[in-house]
Protein backbone atom coordinates (compact mmCIF):
# COMPACT_ATOMS: atom_id res chain seq x y z
CA UNK A 1 13.03 6.33 1.17
CA UNK A 2 14.74 7.85 -1.80
CA UNK A 3 12.97 7.92 -5.14
CA UNK A 4 13.34 10.15 -8.14
CA UNK A 5 9.64 9.99 -8.99
CA UNK A 6 7.95 10.88 -5.69
CA UNK A 7 5.95 14.07 -5.48
CA UNK A 8 3.66 14.27 -2.44
CA UNK A 9 -0.01 14.17 -3.29
CA UNK A 10 -2.52 16.00 -1.08
CA UNK A 11 -3.23 12.66 0.65
CA UNK A 12 0.47 12.19 1.45
CA UNK A 13 0.79 15.77 2.66
CA UNK A 14 -2.23 15.26 4.94
CA UNK A 15 -0.90 11.96 6.31
CA UNK A 16 2.54 13.38 7.03
CA UNK A 17 1.22 16.59 8.60
CA UNK A 18 -1.48 14.78 10.63
CA UNK A 19 -0.02 11.44 11.78
CA UNK A 20 -2.78 10.85 14.33
CA UNK A 21 -5.68 11.39 11.91
CA UNK A 22 -7.89 8.25 11.93
CA UNK A 23 -8.79 8.54 8.23
CA UNK A 24 -5.51 7.05 6.96
CA UNK A 25 -2.89 4.48 7.91
CA UNK A 26 0.82 4.96 7.46
CA UNK A 27 3.06 2.12 8.64
CA UNK A 28 6.83 2.51 8.64
CA UNK A 29 9.34 -0.34 8.92
CA UNK A 30 12.56 0.62 10.69
CA UNK A 31 15.88 -1.18 11.11
CA UNK A 32 17.72 0.52 13.96
CA UNK A 33 17.09 4.18 13.08
CA UNK A 34 16.83 3.69 9.30
CA UNK A 35 13.48 3.66 7.48
CA UNK A 36 13.46 0.55 5.31
CA UNK A 37 9.87 0.37 4.17
CA UNK A 38 6.34 1.71 4.35
CA UNK A 39 2.73 0.71 3.76
CA UNK A 40 -0.16 3.12 3.53
CA UNK A 41 -3.92 3.19 3.12
CA UNK A 42 -5.52 6.46 2.07
CA UNK A 43 -9.24 6.98 1.44
CA UNK A 44 -9.82 7.00 -2.31
CA UNK A 45 -12.76 9.39 -2.18
CA UNK A 46 -15.03 6.69 -3.60
CA UNK A 47 -17.33 5.59 -0.79
CA UNK A 48 -15.61 3.29 1.69
CA UNK A 49 -12.70 2.41 -0.60
CA UNK A 50 -9.02 2.83 0.12
CA UNK A 51 -5.85 3.07 -1.94
CA UNK A 52 -2.90 0.95 -0.82
CA UNK A 53 0.79 1.58 -1.38
CA UNK A 54 3.76 -0.49 -0.25
CA UNK A 55 7.52 -0.16 -0.59
CA UNK A 56 10.62 -1.86 0.84
CA UNK A 57 14.29 -1.25 0.24
CA UNK A 58 15.77 -4.08 -1.84
CA UNK A 59 17.94 -5.67 0.91
CA UNK A 60 14.83 -6.14 3.09
CA UNK A 61 12.62 -7.87 0.53
CA UNK A 62 11.78 -11.59 0.68
CA UNK A 63 11.72 -11.55 4.50
CA UNK A 64 7.95 -11.31 5.00
CA UNK A 65 7.99 -7.63 6.01
CA UNK A 66 5.85 -6.49 3.08
CA UNK A 67 3.35 -9.29 3.68
CA UNK A 68 3.07 -8.44 7.38
CA UNK A 69 2.57 -4.73 6.70
CA UNK A 70 0.00 -5.44 3.98
CA UNK A 71 -1.96 -7.83 6.23
CA UNK A 72 -1.93 -5.23 9.02
CA UNK A 73 -3.22 -2.62 6.55
CA UNK A 74 -6.03 -4.97 5.44
CA UNK A 75 -7.03 -5.56 9.07
CA UNK A 76 -6.97 -1.82 9.77
CA UNK A 77 -9.26 -1.19 6.76
CA UNK A 78 -11.58 -4.02 7.81
CA UNK A 79 -11.92 -2.56 11.33
CA UNK A 80 -12.86 0.80 9.79
CA UNK A 81 -15.48 -0.85 7.57
CA UNK A 82 -13.84 -0.16 4.25
CA UNK A 83 -15.51 -2.18 1.51
CA UNK A 84 -12.63 -2.44 -0.92
CA UNK A 85 -8.93 -1.74 -1.25
CA UNK A 86 -7.17 -1.07 -4.52
CA UNK A 87 -3.62 -0.58 -5.68
CA UNK A 88 -1.69 -0.03 -8.87
CA UNK A 89 1.56 -1.81 -9.65
CA UNK A 90 3.75 -2.42 -12.66
CA UNK A 91 2.85 -5.50 -14.68
CA UNK A 92 6.48 -6.65 -14.54
CA UNK A 93 6.72 -6.37 -10.73
CA UNK A 94 6.31 -10.11 -10.21
CA UNK A 95 7.53 -10.09 -6.60
CA UNK A 96 4.94 -7.48 -5.55
CA UNK A 97 2.15 -9.14 -7.54
CA UNK A 98 2.93 -12.42 -5.77
CA UNK A 99 2.68 -10.73 -2.34
CA UNK A 100 -0.54 -8.95 -3.26
CA UNK A 101 -2.14 -12.17 -4.54
CA UNK A 102 -1.00 -14.10 -1.46
CA UNK A 103 -2.78 -11.49 0.68
CA UNK A 104 -6.00 -11.79 -1.34
CA UNK A 105 -5.77 -9.09 -4.00
CA UNK A 106 -6.95 -9.96 -7.50
CA UNK A 107 -5.91 -8.40 -10.79
CA UNK A 108 -8.54 -6.38 -12.64
CA UNK A 109 -9.03 -6.33 -16.38
CA UNK A 110 -8.08 -2.66 -16.41
CA UNK A 111 -4.38 -3.14 -17.23
CA UNK A 112 -3.12 -0.11 -19.10
CA UNK A 113 0.31 -0.33 -20.65
CA UNK A 114 2.87 -1.15 -17.97
CA UNK A 115 0.46 -0.65 -15.03
CA UNK A 116 -2.19 -2.93 -13.56
CA UNK A 117 -4.84 -2.41 -10.91
CA UNK A 118 -5.52 -4.97 -8.20
CA UNK A 119 -8.37 -4.99 -5.68
CA UNK A 120 -9.28 -6.64 -2.39
CA UNK A 121 -12.92 -6.88 -1.30
CA UNK A 122 -13.46 -6.62 2.43
């Protein structure tokens, strides 16, 4: 997926270089041969917590794909005995916030500027 802001973190580099590593989850949504979305869970380094990320190309939103990938990610984390998942999203990203809340994430009081953190207890 094209973005002007993406710079791979060490977690991304590890996930891409080691796709079979059991410590992370990287789901990819494909339409024909085109990548249209992704969902990932990376260990946060804080006990049994994970960081979640999700993205879909605009034409594929509002079809339930993001919800299905997020629910699969939650189940994956539950099976691996994670205790909590967290994510950061923009406060004005109402569509994403709606999906995250529908899947059980709650907003924390730690909103900073245009960003908010949400968590899911497993």
